[in-house]
Amino acid sequence: IEKQSALLDSREEDVQSLLKLAKAARKSLE
């Protein structure tokens, strides 16, 4: 929300990795 530069500058693959981990965790729990 605050659009902190650290997030805006984060590498796309790090965000993709975070997204993939969250999806895998939810799927595994289900």
PDB file of all heavy atoms in Angstrom:
ATOM      1  N   ILE A   1       0.832  -1.202   0.000  1.00  0.00           N
ATOM      2  CA  ILE A   1       0.000   0.000   0.000  1.00  0.00           C
ATOM      3  C   ILE A   1       0.865   1.250   0.000  1.00  0.00           C
ATOM      4  O   ILE A   1       0.587   2.216  -0.710  1.00  0.00           O
ATOM      5  CB  ILE A   1      -0.960  -0.016   1.201  1.00  0.00           C
ATOM      6  CG1 ILE A   1      -1.997  -1.137   1.006  1.00  0.00           C
ATOM      7  CG2 ILE A   1      -1.654   1.328   1.387  1.00  0.00           C
ATOM      8  CD1 ILE A   1      -2.828  -1.443   2.227  1.00  0.00           C
ATOM      9  N   GLU A   2       1.908   1.221   0.788  1.00  0.00           N
ATOM     10  CA  GLU A   2       2.801   2.371   0.881  1.00  0.00           C
ATOM     11  C   GLU A   2       3.775   2.439  -0.296  1.00  0.00           C
ATOM     12  O   GLU A   2       4.528   3.401  -0.424  1.00  0.00           O
ATOM     13  CB  GLU A   2       3.580   2.328   2.189  1.00  0.00           C
ATOM     14  CG  GLU A   2       2.692   2.487   3.407  1.00  0.00           C
ATOM     15  CD  GLU A   2       3.428   2.239   4.707  1.00  0.00           C
ATOM     16  OE1 GLU A   2       4.615   1.843   4.677  1.00  0.00           O
ATOM     17  OE2 GLU A   2       2.806   2.435   5.764  1.00  0.00           O
ATOM     18  N   LYS A   3       3.742   1.401  -1.122  1.00  0.00           N
ATOM     19  CA  LYS A   3       4.603   1.328  -2.303  1.00  0.00           C
ATOM     20  C   LYS A   3       6.073   1.545  -1.938  1.00  0.00           C
ATOM     21  O   LYS A   3       6.777   2.357  -2.538  1.00  0.00           O
ATOM     22  CB  LYS A   3       4.156   2.320  -3.370  1.00  0.00           C
ATOM     23  CG  LYS A   3       2.755   2.050  -3.866  1.00  0.00           C
ATOM     24  CD  LYS A   3       2.419   2.961  -5.020  1.00  0.00           C
ATOM     25  CE  LYS A   3       0.998   2.829  -5.450  1.00  0.00           C
ATOM     26  NZ  LYS A   3       0.584   1.626  -6.050  1.00  0.00           N
ATOM     27  N   GLN A   4       6.502   0.818  -0.939  1.00  0.00           N
ATOM     28  CA  GLN A   4       7.889   0.934  -0.512  1.00  0.00           C
ATOM     29  C   GLN A   4       8.816   0.505  -1.639  1.00  0.00           C
ATOM     30  O   GLN A   4       8.577  -0.483  -2.325  1.00  0.00           O
ATOM     31  CB  GLN A   4       8.145   0.080   0.730  1.00  0.00           C
ATOM     32  CG  GLN A   4       7.461   0.635   1.950  1.00  0.00           C
ATOM     33  CD  GLN A   4       7.810  -0.169   3.184  1.00  0.00           C
ATOM     34  OE1 GLN A   4       8.484  -1.184   3.124  1.00  0.00           O
ATOM     35  NE2 GLN A   4       7.357   0.300   4.330  1.00  0.00           N
ATOM     36  N   SER A   5       9.862   1.251  -1.806  1.00  0.00           N
ATOM     37  CA  SER A   5      10.781   1.003  -2.909  1.00  0.00           C
ATOM     38  C   SER A   5      11.417  -0.378  -2.852  1.00  0.00           C
ATOM     39  O   SER A   5      11.709  -0.965  -3.887  1.00  0.00           O
ATOM     40  CB  SER A   5      11.868   2.074  -2.947  1.00  0.00           C
ATOM     41  OG  SER A   5      12.613   2.048  -1.759  1.00  0.00           O
ATOM     42  N   ALA A   6      11.631  -0.917  -1.661  1.00  0.00           N
ATOM     43  CA  ALA A   6      12.231  -2.258  -1.566  1.00  0.00           C
ATOM     44  C   ALA A   6      11.352  -3.288  -2.255  1.00  0.00           C
ATOM     45  O   ALA A   6      11.847  -4.205  -2.907  1.00  0.00           O
ATOM     46  CB  ALA A   6      12.446  -2.637  -0.107  1.00  0.00           C
ATOM     47  N   LEU A   7      10.057  -3.146  -2.117  1.00  0.00           N
ATOM     48  CA  LEU A   7       9.151  -4.076  -2.794  1.00  0.00           C
ATOM     49  C   LEU A   7       9.118  -3.810  -4.293  1.00  0.00           C
ATOM     50  O   LEU A   7       9.089  -4.730  -5.096  1.00  0.00           O
ATOM     51  CB  LEU A   7       7.729  -3.952  -2.237  1.00  0.00           C
ATOM     52  CG  LEU A   7       7.451  -4.705  -0.956  1.00  0.00           C
ATOM     53  CD1 LEU A   7       6.013  -4.494  -0.513  1.00  0.00           C
ATOM     54  CD2 LEU A   7       7.707  -6.175  -1.122  1.00  0.00           C
ATOM     55  N   LEU A   8       9.091  -2.551  -4.653  1.00  0.00           N
ATOM     56  CA  LEU A   8       9.035  -2.224  -6.067  1.00  0.00           C
ATOM     57  C   LEU A   8      10.297  -2.662  -6.796  1.00  0.00           C
ATOM     58  O   LEU A   8      10.253  -2.997  -7.973  1.00  0.00           O
ATOM     59  CB  LEU A   8       8.811  -0.716  -6.248  1.00  0.00           C
ATOM     60  CG  LEU A   8       7.474  -0.194  -5.708  1.00  0.00           C
ATOM     61  CD1 LEU A   8       7.409   1.320  -5.842  1.00  0.00           C
ATOM     62  CD2 LEU A   8       6.301  -0.843  -6.409  1.00  0.00           C
ATOM     63  N   ASP A   9      11.398  -2.669  -6.076  1.00  0.00           N
ATOM     64  CA  ASP A   9      12.670  -3.066  -6.670  1.00  0.00           C
ATOM     65  C   ASP A   9      12.935  -4.570  -6.570  1.00  0.00           C
ATOM     66  O   ASP A   9      13.931  -5.054  -7.090  1.00  0.00           O
ATOM     67  CB  ASP A   9      13.836  -2.333  -5.980  1.00  0.00           C
ATOM     68  CG  ASP A   9      13.811  -0.841  -6.255  1.00  0.00           C
ATOM     69  OD1 ASP A   9      13.161  -0.438  -7.236  1.00  0.00           O
ATOM     70  OD2 ASP A   9      14.427  -0.093  -5.479  1.00  0.00           O
ATOM     71  N   SER A  10      12.054  -5.285  -5.893  1.00  0.00           N
ATOM     72  CA  SER A  10      12.293  -6.720  -5.715  1.00  0.00           C
ATOM     73  C   SER A  10      12.281  -7.444  -7.050  1.00  0.00           C
ATOM     74  O   SER A  10      11.587  -7.068  -7.983  1.00  0.00           O
ATOM     75  CB  SER A  10      11.262  -7.328  -4.760  1.00  0.00           C
ATOM     76  OG  SER A  10       9.959  -7.120  -5.234  1.00  0.00           O
ATOM     77  N   ARG A  11      13.090  -8.473  -7.096  1.00  0.00           N
ATOM     78  CA  ARG A  11      13.210  -9.233  -8.338  1.00  0.00           C
ATOM     79  C   ARG A  11      11.941 -10.025  -8.594  1.00  0.00           C
ATOM     80  O   ARG A  11      11.348 -10.592  -7.681  1.00  0.00           O
ATOM     81  CB  ARG A  11      14.412 -10.169  -8.247  1.00  0.00           C
ATOM     82  CG  ARG A  11      15.724  -9.419  -8.138  1.00  0.00           C
ATOM     83  CD  ARG A  11      16.931 -10.317  -8.152  1.00  0.00           C
ATOM     84  NE  ARG A  11      16.627 -11.730  -8.071  1.00  0.00           N
ATOM     85  CZ  ARG A  11      17.338 -12.596  -7.400  1.00  0.00           C
ATOM     86  NH1 ARG A  11      18.382 -12.210  -6.721  1.00  0.00           N
ATOM     87  NH2 ARG A  11      17.025 -13.877  -7.390  1.00  0.00           N
ATOM     88  N   GLU A  12      11.543 -10.079  -9.840  1.00  0.00           N
ATOM     89  CA  GLU A  12      10.318 -10.779 -10.211  1.00  0.00           C
ATOM     90  C   GLU A  12      10.380 -12.249  -9.814  1.00  0.00           C
ATOM     91  O   GLU A  12       9.387 -12.816  -9.362  1.00  0.00           O
ATOM     92  CB  GLU A  12      10.045 -10.644 -11.712  1.00  0.00           C
ATOM     93  CG  GLU A  12       8.727 -11.257 -12.115  1.00  0.00           C
ATOM     94  CD  GLU A  12       8.371 -11.014 -13.557  1.00  0.00           C
ATOM     95  OE1 GLU A  12       8.716  -9.955 -14.106  1.00  0.00           O
ATOM     96  OE2 GLU A  12       7.740 -11.907 -14.134  1.00  0.00           O
ATOM     97  N   GLU A  13      11.550 -12.861  -9.947  1.00  0.00           N
ATOM     98  CA  GLU A  13      11.636 -14.286  -9.605  1.00  0.00           C
ATOM     99  C   GLU A  13      11.442 -14.520  -8.105  1.00  0.00           C
ATOM    100  O   GLU A  13      10.931 -15.567  -7.699  1.00  0.00           O
ATOM    101  CB  GLU A  13      12.932 -14.932 -10.102  1.00  0.00           C
ATOM    102  CG  GLU A  13      14.182 -14.310  -9.559  1.00  0.00           C
ATOM    103  CD  GLU A  13      14.907 -13.442 -10.574  1.00  0.00           C
ATOM    104  OE1 GLU A  13      14.331 -13.029 -11.567  1.00  0.00           O
ATOM    105  OE2 GLU A  13      16.084 -13.184 -10.337  1.00  0.00           O
ATOM    106  N   ASP A  14      11.825 -13.534  -7.258  1.00  0.00           N
ATOM    107  CA  ASP A  14      11.565 -13.666  -5.823  1.00  0.00           C
ATOM    108  C   ASP A  14      10.069 -13.625  -5.541  1.00  0.00           C
ATOM    109  O   ASP A  14       9.565 -14.377  -4.716  1.00  0.00           O
ATOM    110  CB  ASP A  14      12.265 -12.558  -5.034  1.00  0.00           C
ATOM    111  CG  ASP A  14      13.769 -12.752  -4.947  1.00  0.00           C
ATOM    112  OD1 ASP A  14      14.238 -13.895  -5.133  1.00  0.00           O
ATOM    113  OD2 ASP A  14      14.472 -11.761  -4.705  1.00  0.00           O
ATOM    114  N   VAL A  15       9.369 -12.741  -6.221  1.00  0.00           N
ATOM    115  CA  VAL A  15       7.917 -12.640  -6.041  1.00  0.00           C
ATOM    116  C   VAL A  15       7.243 -13.899  -6.584  1.00  0.00           C
ATOM    117  O   VAL A  15       6.324 -14.444  -5.967  1.00  0.00           O
ATOM    118  CB  VAL A  15       7.351 -11.371  -6.711  1.00  0.00           C
ATOM    119  CG1 VAL A  15       5.851 -11.261  -6.457  1.00  0.00           C
ATOM    120  CG2 VAL A  15       8.062 -10.126  -6.216  1.00  0.00           C
ATOM    121  N   GLN A  16       7.721 -14.378  -7.736  1.00  0.00           N
ATOM    122  CA  GLN A  16       7.182 -15.614  -8.313  1.00  0.00           C
ATOM    123  C   GLN A  16       7.397 -16.784  -7.345  1.00  0.00           C
ATOM    124  O   GLN A  16       6.525 -17.631  -7.175  1.00  0.00           O
ATOM    125  CB  GLN A  16       7.853 -15.929  -9.655  1.00  0.00           C
ATOM    126  CG  GLN A  16       7.420 -15.032 -10.780  1.00  0.00           C
ATOM    127  CD  GLN A  16       6.040 -15.390 -11.330  1.00  0.00           C
ATOM    128  OE1 GLN A  16       5.321 -16.215 -10.790  1.00  0.00           O
ATOM    129  NE2 GLN A  16       5.675 -14.726 -12.405  1.00  0.00           N
ATOM    130  N   SER A  17       8.562 -16.826  -6.721  1.00  0.00           N
ATOM    131  CA  SER A  17       8.873 -17.881  -5.765  1.00  0.00           C
ATOM    132  C   SER A  17       7.934 -17.811  -4.562  1.00  0.00           C
ATOM    133  O   SER A  17       7.438 -18.840  -4.092  1.00  0.00           O
ATOM    134  CB  SER A  17      10.329 -17.757  -5.314  1.00  0.00           C
ATOM    135  OG  SER A  17      10.632 -18.712  -4.345  1.00  0.00           O
ATOM    136  N   LEU A  18       7.683 -16.609  -4.074  1.00  0.00           N
ATOM    137  CA  LEU A  18       6.759 -16.419  -2.962  1.00  0.00           C
ATOM    138  C   LEU A  18       5.358 -16.882  -3.346  1.00  0.00           C
ATOM    139  O   LEU A  18       4.700 -17.611  -2.599  1.00  0.00           O
ATOM    140  CB  LEU A  18       6.735 -14.947  -2.549  1.00  0.00           C
ATOM    141  CG  LEU A  18       5.780 -14.556  -1.434  1.00  0.00           C
ATOM    142  CD1 LEU A  18       6.144 -15.263  -0.136  1.00  0.00           C
ATOM    143  CD2 LEU A  18       5.801 -13.049  -1.243  1.00  0.00           C
ATOM    144  N   LEU A  19       4.912 -16.495  -4.513  1.00  0.00           N
ATOM    145  CA  LEU A  19       3.592 -16.891  -5.004  1.00  0.00           C
ATOM    146  C   LEU A  19       3.491 -18.404  -5.151  1.00  0.00           C
ATOM    147  O   LEU A  19       2.514 -19.023  -4.725  1.00  0.00           O
ATOM    148  CB  LEU A  19       3.316 -16.187  -6.342  1.00  0.00           C
ATOM    149  CG  LEU A  19       1.977 -16.429  -7.002  1.00  0.00           C
ATOM    150  CD1 LEU A  19       0.834 -16.026  -6.092  1.00  0.00           C
ATOM    151  CD2 LEU A  19       1.902 -15.645  -8.308  1.00  0.00           C
ATOM    152  N   LYS A  20       4.520 -19.008  -5.717  1.00  0.00           N
ATOM    153  CA  LYS A  20       4.537 -20.459  -5.912  1.00  0.00           C
ATOM    154  C   LYS A  20       4.494 -21.190  -4.567  1.00  0.00           C
ATOM    155  O   LYS A  20       3.769 -22.176  -4.406  1.00  0.00           O
ATOM    156  CB  LYS A  20       5.799 -20.842  -6.695  1.00  0.00           C
ATOM    157  CG  LYS A  20       5.904 -22.301  -7.031  1.00  0.00           C
ATOM    158  CD  LYS A  20       7.173 -22.577  -7.829  1.00  0.00           C
ATOM    159  CE  LYS A  20       7.375 -24.055  -8.071  1.00  0.00           C
ATOM    160  NZ  LYS A  20       8.613 -24.326  -8.794  1.00  0.00           N
ATOM    161  N   LEU A  21       5.267 -20.700  -3.592  1.00  0.00           N
ATOM    162  CA  LEU A  21       5.278 -21.306  -2.261  1.00  0.00           C
ATOM    163  C   LEU A  21       3.905 -21.237  -1.605  1.00  0.00           C
ATOM    164  O   LEU A  21       3.436 -22.204  -1.013  1.00  0.00           O
ATOM    165  CB  LEU A  21       6.273 -20.564  -1.374  1.00  0.00           C
ATOM    166  CG  LEU A  21       7.601 -21.214  -1.114  1.00  0.00           C
ATOM    167  CD1 LEU A  21       8.488 -20.277  -0.318  1.00  0.00           C
ATOM    168  CD2 LEU A  21       7.452 -22.527  -0.412  1.00  0.00           C
ATOM    169  N   ALA A  22       3.254 -20.077  -1.699  1.00  0.00           N
ATOM    170  CA  ALA A  22       1.937 -19.903  -1.085  1.00  0.00           C
ATOM    171  C   ALA A  22       0.914 -20.830  -1.729  1.00  0.00           C
ATOM    172  O   ALA A  22       0.112 -21.466  -1.036  1.00  0.00           O
ATOM    173  CB  ALA A  22       1.493 -18.452  -1.191  1.00  0.00           C
ATOM    174  N   LYS A  23       0.945 -20.933  -3.044  1.00  0.00           N
ATOM    175  CA  LYS A  23       0.006 -21.823  -3.740  1.00  0.00           C
ATOM    176  C   LYS A  23       0.249 -23.279  -3.370  1.00  0.00           C
ATOM    177  O   LYS A  23      -0.683 -24.037  -3.127  1.00  0.00           O
ATOM    178  CB  LYS A  23       0.123 -21.646  -5.255  1.00  0.00           C
ATOM    179  CG  LYS A  23      -0.506 -20.381  -5.763  1.00  0.00           C
ATOM    180  CD  LYS A  23      -0.389 -20.269  -7.269  1.00  0.00           C
ATOM    181  CE  LYS A  23      -1.072 -19.014  -7.770  1.00  0.00           C
ATOM    182  NZ  LYS A  23      -1.019 -18.898  -9.226  1.00  0.00           N
ATOM    183  N   ALA A  24       1.518 -23.668  -3.323  1.00  0.00           N
ATOM    184  CA  ALA A  24       1.864 -25.051  -2.979  1.00  0.00           C
ATOM    185  C   ALA A  24       1.455 -25.374  -1.547  1.00  0.00           C
ATOM    186  O   ALA A  24       0.945 -26.467  -1.273  1.00  0.00           O
ATOM    187  CB  ALA A  24       3.357 -25.288  -3.176  1.00  0.00           C
ATOM    188  N   ALA A  25       1.659 -24.425  -0.632  1.00  0.00           N
ATOM    189  CA  ALA A  25       1.291 -24.651   0.772  1.00  0.00           C
ATOM    190  C   ALA A  25      -0.217 -24.833   0.896  1.00  0.00           C
ATOM    191  O   ALA A  25      -0.681 -25.749   1.581  1.00  0.00           O
ATOM    192  CB  ALA A  25       1.759 -23.481   1.630  1.00  0.00           C
ATOM    193  N   ARG A  26      -0.973 -23.979   0.229  1.00  0.00           N
ATOM    194  CA  ARG A  26      -2.434 -24.085   0.314  1.00  0.00           C
ATOM    195  C   ARG A  26      -2.923 -25.397  -0.293  1.00  0.00           C
ATOM    196  O   ARG A  26      -3.736 -26.102   0.281  1.00  0.00           O
ATOM    197  CB  ARG A  26      -3.101 -22.896  -0.366  1.00  0.00           C
ATOM    198  CG  ARG A  26      -4.610 -22.884  -0.134  1.00  0.00           C
ATOM    199  CD  ARG A  26      -5.222 -21.533  -0.372  1.00  0.00           C
ATOM    200  NE  ARG A  26      -4.944 -20.972  -1.668  1.00  0.00           N
ATOM    201  CZ  ARG A  26      -5.746 -21.095  -2.710  1.00  0.00           C
ATOM    202  NH1 ARG A  26      -6.874 -21.762  -2.621  1.00  0.00           N
ATOM    203  NH2 ARG A  26      -5.431 -20.529  -3.854  1.00  0.00           N
ATOM    204  N   LYS A  27      -2.368 -25.759  -1.460  1.00  0.00           N
ATOM    205  CA  LYS A  27      -2.767 -27.004  -2.116  1.00  0.00           C
ATOM    206  C   LYS A  27      -2.438 -28.207  -1.235  1.00  0.00           C
ATOM    207  O   LYS A  27      -3.242 -29.121  -1.076  1.00  0.00           O
ATOM    208  CB  LYS A  27      -2.080 -27.127  -3.469  1.00  0.00           C
ATOM    209  CG  LYS A  27      -2.501 -28.350  -4.244  1.00  0.00           C
ATOM    210  CD  LYS A  27      -1.857 -28.399  -5.604  1.00  0.00           C
ATOM    211  CE  LYS A  27      -2.432 -29.583  -6.357  1.00  0.00           C
ATOM    212  NZ  LYS A  27      -1.531 -30.347  -7.084  1.00  0.00           N
ATOM    213  N   SER A  28      -1.259 -28.199  -0.659  1.00  0.00           N
ATOM    214  CA  SER A  28      -0.828 -29.289   0.205  1.00  0.00           C
ATOM    215  C   SER A  28      -1.760 -29.432   1.405  1.00  0.00           C
ATOM    216  O   SER A  28      -2.140 -30.540   1.785  1.00  0.00           O
ATOM    217  CB  SER A  28       0.603 -29.031   0.676  1.00  0.00           C
ATOM    218  OG  SER A  28       1.015 -29.989   1.588  1.00  0.00           O
ATOM    219  N   LEU A  29      -2.142 -28.309   1.999  1.00  0.00           N
ATOM    220  CA  LEU A  29      -3.025 -28.351   3.155  1.00  0.00           C
ATOM    221  C   LEU A  29      -4.419 -28.832   2.789  1.00  0.00           C
ATOM    222  O   LEU A  29      -5.078 -29.509   3.578  1.00  0.00           O
ATOM    223  CB  LEU A  29      -3.118 -26.971   3.793  1.00  0.00           C
ATOM    224  CG  LEU A  29      -1.866 -26.511   4.510  1.00  0.00           C
ATOM    225  CD1 LEU A  29      -2.001 -25.065   4.939  1.00  0.00           C
ATOM    226  CD2 LEU A  29      -1.586 -27.398   5.705  1.00  0.00           C
ATOM    227  N   GLU A  30      -4.875 -28.503   1.611  1.00  0.00           N
ATOM    228  CA  GLU A  30      -6.201 -28.921   1.182  1.00  0.00           C
ATOM    229  C   GLU A  30      -6.260 -30.431   0.916  1.00  0.00           C
ATOM    230  O   GLU A  30      -7.321 -31.030   0.971  1.00  0.00           O
ATOM    231  CB  GLU A  30      -6.631 -28.153  -0.065  1.00  0.00           C
ATOM    232  CG  GLU A  30      -6.928 -26.699   0.223  1.00  0.00           C
ATOM    233  CD  GLU A  30      -7.143 -25.857  -1.024  1.00  0.00           C
ATOM    234  OE1 GLU A  30      -6.758 -26.294  -2.125  1.00  0.00           O
ATOM    235  OE2 GLU A  30      -7.679 -24.754  -0.881  1.00  0.00           O
TER     236      GLU A  30
END
